[in-house]
Amino acid sequence: MELIDLTRTLDPADRELLPERLRPYASVVAPSMTYAHPAGEGREQFAAAMHCGVEDLPDGEGWGAELLTDFNSHLGTHVDAPLHYGSTCEGRPARTITDIALDELWCEALVLDLRGRCEPDAPITVEALESALAANGAPVPAGGAVLLRTGQERYGLSDPEFFRYPGMSRESTLFLAGLGAKVLGTDAAGWDLSFPVMAGKFRESGDNSVLWDGHRAGREREVFIVQQLTNLAALPPSGFRVAFFPIKLARASAAPARVVAFV
């Protein structure tokens, strides 16, 4: 068995790569981090904690430690709980991230290769999903995961293309849920179309159903959405399992996760 990491690395340096208009969203890209090295600030911190001088420390070193600030529960590769989509789901109070059992996030999975079947800033259609499913040849595992390979993982934060990704609609999200998928993942920065594209559609049409319709579909049919996956190219089309294990944040609508495929 091979373990394949599908998690994006969180690097505070990435915050500086964001275009100016997206700086307000830096907290979903990476935390701010202050580093304390064992031979530097960590030495001072440890000596203060032990009420001794730095000259008293074994080998003259302290600890390594990092202080994380300004980060969001939807940071990096993360799992959305139903509470993210709204206060209710399937007519019941929406579950938080700690309400989800681990065995719901440890499941069989398949990859849908949507490269060439979708376009930047455009919805991923049901027809595109059907075509990718036919090419894959495997059925959607009941209670399992469908991972969308749009090709977005080839772009970095400094690339304009990173923010011009194809997005899922209400219809396409409910289509996958209707096939039995419980976890829906993507290599794109977001599940829906980008905020500017959705806002533009609303301005043009006045139709508020275009606002976040991919996520809001999760109110009708409970699913767990996972965004900012990476390394999907290393996976076979099907026949593997994935652990989507989020950190335990009380009463939260999402949490960063270490997502690992077992192939």
Foldseek 3Di string as FASTA:
>chain_A
DDKDWFFDDADLVQLVLADPVCNVVSQQEHWDKDKDFFQGNQLVVQCVVVVHDCVPDVVSTGDIDMDTDRHDQNHGWKKFFLVVLHQAAQRHGTDAPVVDDQVLQKFWEFEQELAVVDDFLEERDLVSSVVSCVVLVDQGDASAEYEYEHPLQVDGNNDPSLLRHYAYALVNLVVSVVSRYAEYEYLHQDHGRHPVSLVVVCVVPVDCCSPPRNSNSCRHGPHMYTYNTDDPVVDRRTDKIKGFDFDDDPPHRMHHTGIMIDD
